[in-house]
């Protein structure tokens, strides 16, 4: 067509729609997010820094996955740089792929050795 109007699709609108179709299931599950936050920030109830960091992650999850903001929009809303928001989202997605670790120190392995006179512990 020459001299006429053409329909131009906006790349931003199609990317938004595609991204919203690929929202992971954990991002819509409040229980999984709560479990992640509790395991990542165990002293959140008493430590002000942990509470602030946990709140920031929850706000990023809400704005990016549920509301549909872009990383740049989330960064502007929370007064962060877009690279910080991108890094948090990247780490969050990696952490949610793995099974949750139990909080606290791992138990020591107790090895039992068979001795001629019976079982001995070491």
PDB file of N, CA and C in Angstrom:
ATOM      1  N   UNK A   1       0.839  -1.175   0.000  1.00  0.00           N
ATOM      2  CA  UNK A   1       0.000   0.000   0.000  1.00  0.00           C
ATOM      3  C   UNK A   1       0.880   1.232   0.000  1.00  0.00           C
ATOM      4  N   UNK A   2       0.588   2.082  -0.877  1.00  0.00           N
ATOM      5  CA  UNK A   2       1.324   3.331  -0.907  1.00  0.00           C
ATOM      6  C   UNK A   2       0.359   4.476  -0.675  1.00  0.00           C
ATOM      7  N   UNK A   3       0.760   5.406   0.117  1.00  0.00           N
ATOM      8  CA  UNK A   3      -0.046   6.573   0.379  1.00  0.00           C
ATOM      9  C   UNK A   3      -1.235   6.328   1.298  1.00  0.00           C
ATOM     10  N   UNK A   4      -1.406   5.117   1.785  1.00  0.00           N
ATOM     11  CA  UNK A   4      -2.534   4.811   2.661  1.00  0.00           C
ATOM     12  C   UNK A   4      -2.070   4.589   4.092  1.00  0.00           C
ATOM     13  N   UNK A   5      -2.999   4.224   4.896  1.00  0.00           N
ATOM     14  CA  UNK A   5      -2.681   3.938   6.289  1.00  0.00           C
ATOM     15  C   UNK A   5      -2.448   2.442   6.461  1.00  0.00           C
ATOM     16  N   UNK A   6      -1.456   2.112   7.216  1.00  0.00           N
ATOM     17  CA  UNK A   6      -1.156   0.713   7.486  1.00  0.00           C
ATOM     18  C   UNK A   6      -1.379   0.431   8.964  1.00  0.00           C
ATOM     19  N   UNK A   7      -1.718  -0.781   9.235  1.00  0.00           N
ATOM     20  CA  UNK A   7      -1.890  -1.177  10.628  1.00  0.00           C
ATOM     21  C   UNK A   7      -0.521  -1.552  11.167  1.00  0.00           C
ATOM     22  N   UNK A   8      -0.125  -0.885  12.223  1.00  0.00           N
ATOM     23  CA  UNK A   8       1.173  -1.128  12.827  1.00  0.00           C
ATOM     24  C   UNK A   8       0.935  -1.682  14.223  1.00  0.00           C
ATOM     25  N   UNK A   9       1.476  -2.851  14.479  1.00  0.00           N
ATOM     26  CA  UNK A   9       1.344  -3.429  15.812  1.00  0.00           C
ATOM     27  C   UNK A   9       2.439  -2.867  16.701  1.00  0.00           C
ATOM     28  N   UNK A  10       2.072  -2.558  17.888  1.00  0.00           N
ATOM     29  CA  UNK A  10       3.038  -2.065  18.858  1.00  0.00           C
ATOM     30  C   UNK A  10       3.754  -3.258  19.481  1.00  0.00           C
ATOM     31  N   UNK A  11       5.072  -3.256  19.425  1.00  0.00           N
ATOM     32  CA  UNK A  11       5.851  -4.367  19.987  1.00  0.00           C
ATOM     33  C   UNK A  11       5.663  -4.454  21.489  1.00  0.00           C
ATOM     34  N   UNK A  12       5.500  -3.320  22.139  1.00  0.00           N
ATOM     35  CA  UNK A  12       5.328  -3.325  23.588  1.00  0.00           C
ATOM     36  C   UNK A  12       4.056  -4.021  24.024  1.00  0.00           C
ATOM     37  N   UNK A  13       2.984  -3.804  23.292  1.00  0.00           N
ATOM     38  CA  UNK A  13       1.709  -4.419  23.663  1.00  0.00           C
ATOM     39  C   UNK A  13       1.759  -5.932  23.473  1.00  0.00           C
ATOM     40  N   UNK A  14       2.384  -6.400  22.408  1.00  0.00           N
ATOM     41  CA  UNK A  14       2.448  -7.841  22.185  1.00  0.00           C
ATOM     42  C   UNK A  14       3.394  -8.492  23.176  1.00  0.00           C
ATOM     43  N   UNK A  15       4.466  -7.832  23.516  1.00  0.00           N
ATOM     44  CA  UNK A  15       5.376  -8.394  24.523  1.00  0.00           C
ATOM     45  C   UNK A  15       4.696  -8.490  25.880  1.00  0.00           C
ATOM     46  N   UNK A  16       3.910  -7.480  26.217  1.00  0.00           N
ATOM     47  CA  UNK A  16       3.195  -7.490  27.488  1.00  0.00           C
ATOM     48  C   UNK A  16       2.239  -8.675  27.544  1.00  0.00           C
ATOM     49  N   UNK A  17       1.476  -8.869  26.483  1.00  0.00           N
ATOM     50  CA  UNK A  17       0.507  -9.967  26.459  1.00  0.00           C
ATOM     51  C   UNK A  17       1.207 -11.312  26.550  1.00  0.00           C
ATOM     52  N   UNK A  18       2.314 -11.466  25.835  1.00  0.00           N
ATOM     53  CA  UNK A  18       3.069 -12.725  25.889  1.00  0.00           C
ATOM     54  C   UNK A  18       3.644 -12.960  27.281  1.00  0.00           C
ATOM     55  N   UNK A  19       4.160 -11.908  27.896  1.00  0.00           N
ATOM     56  CA  UNK A  19       4.756 -12.044  29.230  1.00  0.00           C
ATOM     57  C   UNK A  19       3.692 -12.403  30.259  1.00  0.00           C
ATOM     58  N   UNK A  20       2.517 -11.818  30.138  1.00  0.00           N
ATOM     59  CA  UNK A  20       1.456 -12.112  31.099  1.00  0.00           C
ATOM     60  C   UNK A  20       0.924 -13.538  30.930  1.00  0.00           C
ATOM     61  N   UNK A  21       1.071 -14.115  29.745  1.00  0.00           N
ATOM     62  CA  UNK A  21       0.677 -15.512  29.544  1.00  0.00           C
ATOM     63  C   UNK A  21       1.686 -16.472  30.167  1.00  0.00           C
ATOM     64  N   UNK A  22       2.925 -16.024  30.322  1.00  0.00           N
ATOM     65  CA  UNK A  22       3.984 -16.878  30.865  1.00  0.00           C
ATOM     66  C   UNK A  22       4.244 -16.648  32.352  1.00  0.00           C
ATOM     67  N   UNK A  23       3.355 -16.018  33.045  1.00  0.00           N
ATOM     68  CA  UNK A  23       3.542 -15.788  34.489  1.00  0.00           C
ATOM     69  C   UNK A  23       3.589 -17.146  35.181  1.00  0.00           C
ATOM     70  N   UNK A  24       4.645 -17.410  35.962  1.00  0.00           N
ATOM     71  CA  UNK A  24       4.738 -18.701  36.635  1.00  0.00           C
ATOM     72  C   UNK A  24       3.623 -18.898  37.662  1.00  0.00           C
ATOM     73  N   UNK A  25       3.279 -20.146  37.895  1.00  0.00           N
ATOM     74  CA  UNK A  25       2.175 -20.453  38.806  1.00  0.00           C
ATOM     75  C   UNK A  25       2.486 -20.032  40.245  1.00  0.00           C
ATOM     76  N   UNK A  26       3.756 -20.104  40.653  1.00  0.00           N
ATOM     77  CA  UNK A  26       4.103 -19.733  42.023  1.00  0.00           C
ATOM     78  C   UNK A  26       3.848 -18.259  42.285  1.00  0.00           C
ATOM     79  N   UNK A  27       3.902 -17.424  41.242  1.00  0.00           N
ATOM     80  CA  UNK A  27       3.723 -15.986  41.426  1.00  0.00           C
ATOM     81  C   UNK A  27       2.286 -15.641  41.802  1.00  0.00           C
ATOM     82  N   UNK A  28       1.355 -16.533  41.519  1.00  0.00           N
ATOM     83  CA  UNK A  28      -0.042 -16.299  41.871  1.00  0.00           C
ATOM     84  C   UNK A  28      -0.462 -17.054  43.131  1.00  0.00           C
ATOM     85  N   UNK A  29       0.459 -17.816  43.698  1.00  0.00           N
ATOM     86  CA  UNK A  29       0.160 -18.634  44.880  1.00  0.00           C
ATOM     87  C   UNK A  29       0.711 -17.943  46.133  1.00  0.00           C
ATOM     88  N   UNK A  30      -0.182 -17.385  46.932  1.00  0.00           N
ATOM     89  CA  UNK A  30       0.238 -16.662  48.138  1.00  0.00           C
ATOM     90  C   UNK A  30       0.987 -17.554  49.117  1.00  0.00           C
ATOM     91  N   UNK A  31       0.599 -18.823  49.225  1.00  0.00           N
ATOM     92  CA  UNK A  31       1.257 -19.728  50.164  1.00  0.00           C
ATOM     93  C   UNK A  31       2.704 -19.987  49.781  1.00  0.00           C
ATOM     94  N   UNK A  32       2.979 -20.174  48.490  1.00  0.00           N
ATOM     95  CA  UNK A  32       4.364 -20.404  48.049  1.00  0.00           C
ATOM     96  C   UNK A  32       5.215 -19.166  48.276  1.00  0.00           C
ATOM     97  N   UNK A  33       4.660 -18.013  48.020  1.00  0.00           N
ATOM     98  CA  UNK A  33       5.408 -16.774  48.246  1.00  0.00           C
ATOM     99  C   UNK A  33       5.665 -16.599  49.735  1.00  0.00           C
ATOM    100  N   UNK A  34       4.661 -16.870  50.568  1.00  0.00           N
ATOM    101  CA  UNK A  34       4.826 -16.762  52.024  1.00  0.00           C
ATOM    102  C   UNK A  34       5.905 -17.726  52.515  1.00  0.00           C
ATOM    103  N   UNK A  35       5.900 -18.968  52.016  1.00  0.00           N
ATOM    104  CA  UNK A  35       6.911 -19.949  52.419  1.00  0.00           C
ATOM    105  C   UNK A  35       8.307 -19.498  52.007  1.00  0.00           C
ATOM    106  N   UNK A  36       8.426 -18.946  50.801  1.00  0.00           N
ATOM    107  CA  UNK A  36       9.729 -18.457  50.332  1.00  0.00           C
ATOM    108  C   UNK A  36      10.223 -17.318  51.217  1.00  0.00           C
ATOM    109  N   UNK A  37       9.359 -16.370  51.503  1.00  0.00           N
ATOM    110  CA  UNK A  37       9.747 -15.211  52.315  1.00  0.00           C
ATOM    111  C   UNK A  37      10.140 -15.654  53.720  1.00  0.00           C
ATOM    112  N   UNK A  38       9.387 -16.572  54.299  1.00  0.00           N
ATOM    113  CA  UNK A  38       9.720 -17.049  55.653  1.00  0.00           C
ATOM    114  C   UNK A  38      11.028 -17.814  55.681  1.00  0.00           C
ATOM    115  N   UNK A  39      11.315 -18.589  54.636  1.00  0.00           N
ATOM    116  CA  UNK A  39      12.579 -19.336  54.624  1.00  0.00           C
ATOM    117  C   UNK A  39      13.762 -18.419  54.329  1.00  0.00           C
ATOM    118  N   UNK A  40      13.541 -17.407  53.508  1.00  0.00           N
ATOM    119  CA  UNK A  40      14.623 -16.490  53.133  1.00  0.00           C
ATOM    120  C   UNK A  40      14.923 -15.475  54.224  1.00  0.00           C
ATOM    121  N   UNK A  41      13.905 -15.073  54.969  1.00  0.00           N
ATOM    122  CA  UNK A  41      14.052 -14.065  56.017  1.00  0.00           C
ATOM    123  C   UNK A  41      13.500 -14.607  57.333  1.00  0.00           C
ATOM    124  N   UNK A  42      14.233 -15.505  58.003  1.00  0.00           N
ATOM    125  CA  UNK A  42      13.702 -16.150  59.208  1.00  0.00           C
ATOM    126  C   UNK A  42      13.538 -15.204  60.405  1.00  0.00           C
ATOM    127  N   UNK A  43      14.305 -14.123  60.454  1.00  0.00           N
ATOM    128  CA  UNK A  43      14.217 -13.198  61.591  1.00  0.00           C
ATOM    129  C   UNK A  43      13.413 -11.945  61.245  1.00  0.00           C
ATOM    130  N   UNK A  44      12.528 -12.081  60.293  1.00  0.00           N
ATOM    131  CA  UNK A  44      11.757 -10.945  59.799  1.00  0.00           C
ATOM    132  C   UNK A  44      10.937 -10.278  60.910  1.00  0.00           C
ATOM    133  N   UNK A  45      10.464 -11.058  61.867  1.00  0.00           N
ATOM    134  CA  UNK A  45       9.618 -10.507  62.927  1.00  0.00           C
ATOM    135  C   UNK A  45      10.387  -9.562  63.843  1.00  0.00           C
ATOM    136  N   UNK A  46      11.683  -9.806  64.009  1.00  0.00           N
ATOM    137  CA  UNK A  46      12.456  -8.992  64.943  1.00  0.00           C
ATOM    138  C   UNK A  46      13.487  -8.088  64.276  1.00  0.00           C
ATOM    139  N   UNK A  47      13.899  -8.407  63.057  1.00  0.00           N
ATOM    140  CA  UNK A  47      14.949  -7.647  62.380  1.00  0.00           C
ATOM    141  C   UNK A  47      14.335  -6.699  61.350  1.00  0.00           C
ATOM    142  N   UNK A  48      14.545  -5.412  61.554  1.00  0.00           N
ATOM    143  CA  UNK A  48      13.964  -4.386  60.679  1.00  0.00           C
ATOM    144  C   UNK A  48      14.507  -4.473  59.249  1.00  0.00           C
ATOM    145  N   UNK A  49      15.799  -4.779  59.085  1.00  0.00           N
ATOM    146  CA  UNK A  49      16.382  -4.881  57.737  1.00  0.00           C
ATOM    147  C   UNK A  49      15.767  -6.040  56.954  1.00  0.00           C
ATOM    148  N   UNK A  50      15.600  -7.178  57.622  1.00  0.00           N
ATOM    149  CA  UNK A  50      14.995  -8.318  56.939  1.00  0.00           C
ATOM    150  C   UNK A  50      13.546  -8.025  56.572  1.00  0.00           C
ATOM    151  N   UNK A  51      12.837  -7.341  57.440  1.00  0.00           N
ATOM    152  CA  UNK A  51      11.444  -7.007  57.157  1.00  0.00           C
ATOM    153  C   UNK A  51      11.360  -6.080  55.939  1.00  0.00           C
ATOM    154  N   UNK A  52      12.266  -5.115  55.848  1.00  0.00           N
ATOM    155  CA  UNK A  52      12.272  -4.183  54.716  1.00  0.00           C
ATOM    156  C   UNK A  52      12.611  -4.911  53.418  1.00  0.00           C
ATOM    157  N   UNK A  53      13.584  -5.809  53.462  1.00  0.00           N
ATOM    158  CA  UNK A  53      13.962  -6.557  52.259  1.00  0.00           C
ATOM    159  C   UNK A  53      12.854  -7.501  51.811  1.00  0.00           C
ATOM    160  N   UNK A  54      12.206  -8.138  52.769  1.00  0.00           N
ATOM    161  CA  UNK A  54      11.093  -9.029  52.435  1.00  0.00           C
ATOM    162  C   UNK A  54       9.949  -8.234  51.806  1.00  0.00           C
ATOM    163  N   UNK A  55       9.668  -7.078  52.346  1.00  0.00           N
ATOM    164  CA  UNK A  55       8.618  -6.231  51.789  1.00  0.00           C
ATOM    165  C   UNK A  55       8.929  -5.790  50.372  1.00  0.00           C
ATOM    166  N   UNK A  56      10.191  -5.482  50.128  1.00  0.00           N
ATOM    167  CA  UNK A  56      10.596  -5.074  48.777  1.00  0.00           C
ATOM    168  C   UNK A  56      10.401  -6.204  47.783  1.00  0.00           C
ATOM    169  N   UNK A  57      10.750  -7.427  48.165  1.00  0.00           N
ATOM    170  CA  UNK A  57      10.575  -8.565  47.269  1.00  0.00           C
ATOM    171  C   UNK A  57       9.100  -8.828  47.010  1.00  0.00           C
ATOM    172  N   UNK A  58       8.278  -8.731  48.028  1.00  0.00           N
ATOM    173  CA  UNK A  58       6.841  -8.955  47.848  1.00  0.00           C
ATOM    174  C   UNK A  58       6.251  -7.882  46.927  1.00  0.00           C
ATOM    175  N   UNK A  59       6.689  -6.633  47.080  1.00  0.00           N
ATOM    176  CA  UNK A  59       6.193  -5.574  46.191  1.00  0.00           C
ATOM    177  C   UNK A  59       6.627  -5.803  44.756  1.00  0.00           C
ATOM    178  N   UNK A  60       7.867  -6.279  44.557  1.00  0.00           N
ATOM    179  CA  UNK A  60       8.337  -6.579  43.201  1.00  0.00           C
ATOM    180  C   UNK A  60       7.507  -7.702  42.593  1.00  0.00           C
ATOM    181  N   UNK A  61       7.242  -8.752  43.359  1.00  0.00           N
ATOM    182  CA  UNK A  61       6.415  -9.857  42.851  1.00  0.00           C
ATOM    183  C   UNK A  61       5.033  -9.340  42.467  1.00  0.00           C
ATOM    184  N   UNK A  62       4.452  -8.523  43.319  1.00  0.00           N
ATOM    185  CA  UNK A  62       3.112  -8.005  43.046  1.00  0.00           C
ATOM    186  C   UNK A  62       3.090  -7.126  41.794  1.00  0.00           C
ATOM    187  N   UNK A  63       4.007  -6.182  41.701  1.00  0.00           N
ATOM    188  CA  UNK A  63       3.993  -5.255  40.573  1.00  0.00           C
ATOM    189  C   UNK A  63       4.379  -5.930  39.262  1.00  0.00           C
ATOM    190  N   UNK A  64       5.394  -6.781  39.285  1.00  0.00           N
ATOM    191  CA  UNK A  64       5.904  -7.368  38.047  1.00  0.00           C
ATOM    192  C   UNK A  64       5.014  -8.492  37.527  1.00  0.00           C
ATOM    193  N   UNK A  65       4.640  -9.419  38.413  1.00  0.00           N
ATOM    194  CA  UNK A  65       3.907 -10.593  37.959  1.00  0.00           C
ATOM    195  C   UNK A  65       2.393 -10.397  37.976  1.00  0.00           C
ATOM    196  N   UNK A  66       1.873  -9.747  38.980  1.00  0.00           N
ATOM    197  CA  UNK A  66       0.411  -9.663  39.114  1.00  0.00           C
ATOM    198  C   UNK A  66      -0.170  -8.436  38.417  1.00  0.00           C
ATOM    199  N   UNK A  67       0.467  -7.278  38.576  1.00  0.00           N
ATOM    200  CA  UNK A  67      -0.035  -6.066  37.941  1.00  0.00           C
ATOM    201  C   UNK A  67       0.426  -5.995  36.492  1.00  0.00           C
ATOM    202  N   UNK A  68       1.627  -6.515  36.212  1.00  0.00           N
ATOM    203  CA  UNK A  68       2.124  -6.540  34.838  1.00  0.00           C
ATOM    204  C   UNK A  68       3.050  -5.396  34.482  1.00  0.00           C
ATOM    205  N   UNK A  69       3.604  -4.710  35.487  1.00  0.00           N
ATOM    206  CA  UNK A  69       4.562  -3.648  35.207  1.00  0.00           C
ATOM    207  C   UNK A  69       5.812  -4.242  34.557  1.00  0.00           C
ATOM    208  N   UNK A  70       6.510  -3.421  33.791  1.00  0.00           N
ATOM    209  CA  UNK A  70       7.804  -3.828  33.262  1.00  0.00           C
ATOM    210  C   UNK A  70       8.847  -3.656  34.361  1.00  0.00           C
ATOM    211  N   UNK A  71      10.033  -4.175  34.108  1.00  0.00           N
ATOM    212  CA  UNK A  71      11.103  -4.030  35.116  1.00  0.00           C
ATOM    213  C   UNK A  71      11.435  -2.567  35.341  1.00  0.00           C
ATOM    214  N   UNK A  72      11.427  -1.791  34.274  1.00  0.00           N
ATOM    215  CA  UNK A  72      11.728  -0.365  34.394  1.00  0.00           C
ATOM    216  C   UNK A  72      10.641   0.353  35.200  1.00  0.00           C
ATOM    217  N   UNK A  73       9.380  -0.016  34.995  1.00  0.00           N
ATOM    218  CA  UNK A  73       8.284   0.606  35.738  1.00  0.00           C
ATOM    219  C   UNK A  73       8.352   0.247  37.221  1.00  0.00           C
ATOM    220  N   UNK A  74       8.688  -1.014  37.504  1.00  0.00           N
ATOM    221  CA  UNK A  74       8.842  -1.440  38.896  1.00  0.00           C
ATOM    222  C   UNK A  74       9.988  -0.670  39.546  1.00  0.00           C
ATOM    223  N   UNK A  75      11.087  -0.520  38.815  1.00  0.00           N
ATOM    224  CA  UNK A  75      12.244   0.198  39.344  1.00  0.00           C
ATOM    225  C   UNK A  75      11.896   1.652  39.648  1.00  0.00           C
ATOM    226  N   UNK A  76      11.147   2.262  38.761  1.00  0.00           N
ATOM    227  CA  UNK A  76      10.749   3.655  38.972  1.00  0.00           C
ATOM    228  C   UNK A  76       9.818   3.778  40.179  1.00  0.00           C
ATOM    229  N   UNK A  77       8.891   2.844  40.304  1.00  0.00           N
ATOM    230  CA  UNK A  77       7.932   2.865  41.410  1.00  0.00           C
ATOM    231  C   UNK A  77       8.626   2.694  42.767  1.00  0.00           C
ATOM    232  N   UNK A  78       9.636   1.826  42.816  1.00  0.00           N
ATOM    233  CA  UNK A  78      10.307   1.523  44.085  1.00  0.00           C
ATOM    234  C   UNK A  78      11.604   2.302  44.287  1.00  0.00           C
ATOM    235  N   UNK A  79      11.904   3.216  43.383  1.00  0.00           N
ATOM    236  CA  UNK A  79      13.110   4.042  43.458  1.00  0.00           C
ATOM    237  C   UNK A  79      14.379   3.183  43.474  1.00  0.00           C
ATOM    238  N   UNK A  80      14.423   2.219  42.559  1.00  0.00           N
ATOM    239  CA  UNK A  80      15.585   1.357  42.384  1.00  0.00           C
ATOM    240  C   UNK A  80      16.045   1.482  40.943  1.00  0.00           C
ATOM    241  N   UNK A  81      17.209   0.919  40.643  1.00  0.00           N
ATOM    242  CA  UNK A  81      17.637   0.901  39.246  1.00  0.00           C
ATOM    243  C   UNK A  81      17.033  -0.325  38.556  1.00  0.00           C
ATOM    244  N   UNK A  82      16.796  -0.250  37.254  1.00  0.00           N
ATOM    245  CA  UNK A  82      16.233  -1.404  36.542  1.00  0.00           C
ATOM    246  C   UNK A  82      17.106  -2.651  36.634  1.00  0.00           C
ATOM    247  N   UNK A  83      18.411  -2.472  36.721  1.00  0.00           N
ATOM    248  CA  UNK A  83      19.283  -3.645  36.821  1.00  0.00           C
ATOM    249  C   UNK A  83      19.110  -4.348  38.174  1.00  0.00           C
ATOM    250  N   UNK A  84      18.858  -3.599  39.230  1.00  0.00           N
ATOM    251  CA  UNK A  84      18.619  -4.204  40.548  1.00  0.00           C
ATOM    252  C   UNK A  84      17.324  -5.012  40.513  1.00  0.00           C
ATOM    253  N   UNK A  85      16.292  -4.452  39.919  1.00  0.00           N
ATOM    254  CA  UNK A  85      15.012  -5.153  39.817  1.00  0.00           C
ATOM    255  C   UNK A  85      15.182  -6.416  38.972  1.00  0.00           C
ATOM    256  N   UNK A  86      15.900  -6.308  37.869  1.00  0.00           N
ATOM    257  CA  UNK A  86      16.149  -7.472  37.018  1.00  0.00           C
ATOM    258  C   UNK A  86      16.904  -8.565  37.753  1.00  0.00           C
ATOM    259  N   UNK A  87      17.887  -8.176  38.547  1.00  0.00           N
ATOM    260  CA  UNK A  87      18.668  -9.147  39.312  1.00  0.00           C
ATOM    261  C   UNK A  87      17.806  -9.841  40.373  1.00  0.00           C
ATOM    262  N   UNK A  88      16.953  -9.089  41.037  1.00  0.00           N
ATOM    263  CA  UNK A  88      16.065  -9.669  42.052  1.00  0.00           C
ATOM    264  C   UNK A  88      15.095 -10.648  41.398  1.00  0.00           C
ATOM    265  N   UNK A  89      14.535 -10.282  40.254  1.00  0.00           N
ATOM    266  CA  UNK A  89      13.606 -11.172  39.546  1.00  0.00           C
ATOM    267  C   UNK A  89      14.326 -12.434  39.087  1.00  0.00           C
ATOM    268  N   UNK A  90      15.536 -12.287  38.576  1.00  0.00           N
ATOM    269  CA  UNK A  90      16.321 -13.442  38.131  1.00  0.00           C
ATOM    270  C   UNK A  90      16.590 -14.401  39.283  1.00  0.00           C
ATOM    271  N   UNK A  91      17.037 -13.865  40.412  1.00  0.00           N
ATOM    272  CA  UNK A  91      17.332 -14.711  41.578  1.00  0.00           C
ATOM    273  C   UNK A  91      16.071 -15.337  42.160  1.00  0.00           C
ATOM    274  N   UNK A  92      14.999 -14.598  42.141  1.00  0.00           N
ATOM    275  CA  UNK A  92      13.726 -15.099  42.643  1.00  0.00           C
ATOM    276  C   UNK A  92      13.240 -16.275  41.795  1.00  0.00           C
ATOM    277  N   UNK A  93      13.320 -16.140  40.472  1.00  0.00           N
ATOM    278  CA  UNK A  93      12.880 -17.220  39.595  1.00  0.00           C
ATOM    279  C   UNK A  93      13.756 -18.464  39.761  1.00  0.00           C
ATOM    280  N   UNK A  94      15.048 -18.276  39.927  1.00  0.00           N
ATOM    281  CA  UNK A  94      15.945 -19.421  40.159  1.00  0.00           C
ATOM    282  C   UNK A  94      15.640 -20.097  41.482  1.00  0.00           C
ATOM    283  N   UNK A  95      15.394 -19.304  42.513  1.00  0.00           N
ATOM    284  CA  UNK A  95      15.129 -19.869  43.841  1.00  0.00           C
ATOM    285  C   UNK A  95      13.810 -20.630  43.867  1.00  0.00           C
ATOM    286  N   UNK A  96      12.825 -20.178  43.120  1.00  0.00           N
ATOM    287  CA  UNK A  96      11.527 -20.834  43.132  1.00  0.00           C
ATOM    288  C   UNK A  96      11.526 -22.143  42.342  1.00  0.00           C
ATOM    289  N   UNK A  97      12.530 -22.372  41.522  1.00  0.00           N
ATOM    290  CA  UNK A  97      12.637 -23.634  40.792  1.00  0.00           C
ATOM    291  C   UNK A  97      13.124 -24.761  41.701  1.00  0.00           C
ATOM    292  N   UNK A  98      13.919 -24.404  42.703  1.00  0.00           N
ATOM    293  CA  UNK A  98      14.486 -25.393  43.622  1.00  0.00           C
ATOM    294  C   UNK A  98      13.502 -25.662  44.758  1.00  0.00           C
ATOM    295  N   UNK A  99      13.560 -26.859  45.341  1.00  0.00           N
ATOM    296  CA  UNK A  99      12.732 -27.092  46.526  1.00  0.00           C
ATOM    297  C   UNK A  99      13.251 -26.259  47.702  1.00  0.00           C
ATOM    298  N   UNK A 100      12.355 -25.847  48.555  1.00  0.00           N
ATOM    299  CA  UNK A 100      12.720 -24.997  49.688  1.00  0.00           C
ATOM    300  C   UNK A 100      13.590 -25.769  50.677  1.00  0.00           C
ATOM    301  N   UNK A 101      14.636 -25.106  51.153  1.00  0.00           N
ATOM    302  CA  UNK A 101      15.497 -25.702  52.166  1.00  0.00           C
ATOM    303  C   UNK A 101      14.886 -25.463  53.539  1.00  0.00           C
ATOM    304  N   UNK A 102      15.126 -26.393  54.437  1.00  0.00           N
ATOM    305  CA  UNK A 102      14.681 -26.197  55.808  1.00  0.00           C
ATOM    306  C   UNK A 102      15.580 -25.148  56.450  1.00  0.00           C
ATOM    307  N   UNK A 103      15.003 -24.220  57.191  1.00  0.00           N
ATOM    308  CA  UNK A 103      15.830 -23.213  57.835  1.00  0.00           C
ATOM    309  C   UNK A 103      16.648 -23.823  58.967  1.00  0.00           C
ATOM    310  N   UNK A 104      17.775 -23.220  59.246  1.00  0.00           N
ATOM    311  CA  UNK A 104      18.604 -23.680  60.357  1.00  0.00           C
ATOM    312  C   UNK A 104      19.815 -24.451  59.898  1.00  0.00           C
ATOM    313  N   UNK A 105      20.548 -24.888  60.854  1.00  0.00           N
ATOM    314  CA  UNK A 105      21.798 -25.603  60.616  1.00  0.00           C
ATOM    315  C   UNK A 105      21.510 -27.070  60.312  1.00  0.00           C
ATOM    316  N   UNK A 106      22.242 -27.661  59.344  1.00  0.00           N
ATOM    317  CA  UNK A 106      22.016 -29.080  59.053  1.00  0.00           C
ATOM    318  C   UNK A 106      22.510 -29.963  60.197  1.00  0.00           C
ATOM    319  N   UNK A 107      21.857 -31.112  60.363  1.00  0.00           N
ATOM    320  CA  UNK A 107      22.255 -32.036  61.416  1.00  0.00           C
ATOM    321  C   UNK A 107      23.551 -32.730  61.042  1.00  0.00           C
ATOM    322  N   UNK A 108      24.342 -33.070  62.063  1.00  0.00           N
ATOM    323  CA  UNK A 108      25.588 -33.794  61.828  1.00  0.00           C
ATOM    324  C   UNK A 108      25.281 -35.232  61.475  1.00  0.00           C
ATOM    325  N   UNK A 109      26.071 -35.769  60.571  1.00  0.00           N
ATOM    326  CA  UNK A 109      25.928 -37.174  60.223  1.00  0.00           C
ATOM    327  C   UNK A 109      26.679 -38.001  61.259  1.00  0.00           C
ATOM    328  N   UNK A 110      25.995 -38.947  61.851  1.00  0.00           N
ATOM    329  CA  UNK A 110      26.623 -39.829  62.837  1.00  0.00           C
ATOM    330  C   UNK A 110      26.941 -41.136  62.123  1.00  0.00           C
ATOM    331  N   UNK A 111      28.227 -41.473  62.107  1.00  0.00           N
ATOM    332  CA  UNK A 111      28.668 -42.675  61.418  1.00  0.00           C
ATOM    333  C   UNK A 111      28.817 -43.801  62.433  1.00  0.00           C
ATOM    334  N   UNK A 112      28.232 -44.935  62.133  1.00  0.00           N
ATOM    335  CA  UNK A 112      28.418 -46.095  63.006  1.00  0.00           C
ATOM    336  C   UNK A 112      29.393 -47.046  62.319  1.00  0.00           C
ATOM    337  N   UNK A 113      30.317 -47.543  63.103  1.00  0.00           N
ATOM    338  CA  UNK A 113      31.335 -48.461  62.593  1.00  0.00           C
ATOM    339  C   UNK A 113      31.194 -49.788  63.320  1.00  0.00           C
ATOM    340  N   UNK A 114      31.192 -50.867  62.559  1.00  0.00           N
ATOM    341  CA  UNK A 114      31.086 -52.197  63.151  1.00  0.00           C
ATOM    342  C   UNK A 114      32.464 -52.568  63.714  1.00  0.00           C
ATOM    343  N   UNK A 115      32.500 -52.837  65.013  1.00  0.00           N
ATOM    344  CA  UNK A 115      33.743 -53.255  65.671  1.00  0.00           C
ATOM    345  C   UNK A 115      33.625 -54.728  66.040  1.00  0.00           C
ATOM    346  N   UNK A 116      34.758 -55.371  66.298  1.00  0.00           N
ATOM    347  CA  UNK A 116      34.702 -56.802  66.656  1.00  0.00           C
ATOM    348  C   UNK A 116      33.861 -57.067  67.901  1.00  0.00           C
ATOM    349  N   UNK A 117      33.835 -56.147  68.820  1.00  0.00           N
ATOM    350  CA  UNK A 117      33.072 -56.384  70.059  1.00  0.00           C
ATOM    351  C   UNK A 117      31.638 -55.905  69.969  1.00  0.00           C
ATOM    352  N   UNK A 118      31.241 -55.302  68.864  1.00  0.00           N
ATOM    353  CA  UNK A 118      29.868 -54.805  68.722  1.00  0.00           C
ATOM    354  C   UNK A 118      29.872 -53.538  67.889  1.00  0.00           C
ATOM    355  N   UNK A 119      28.820 -52.781  68.055  1.00  0.00           N
ATOM    356  CA  UNK A 119      28.676 -51.529  67.288  1.00  0.00           C
ATOM    357  C   UNK A 119      29.268 -50.380  68.091  1.00  0.00           C
ATOM    358  N   UNK A 120      30.052 -49.588  67.436  1.00  0.00           N
ATOM    359  CA  UNK A 120      30.636 -48.412  68.066  1.00  0.00           C
ATOM    360  C   UNK A 120      30.228 -47.162  67.329  1.00  0.00           C
ATOM    361  N   UNK A 121      30.130 -46.088  68.029  1.00  0.00           N
ATOM    362  CA  UNK A 121      29.787 -44.817  67.394  1.00  0.00           C
ATOM    363  C   UNK A 121      31.022 -43.966  67.248  1.00  0.00           C
ATOM    364  N   UNK A 122      31.036 -43.217  66.244  1.00  0.00           N
ATOM    365  CA  UNK A 122      32.155 -42.341  66.015  1.00  0.00           C
ATOM    366  C   UNK A 122      31.684 -40.957  65.714  1.00  0.00           C
TER     367      UNK A 122
END
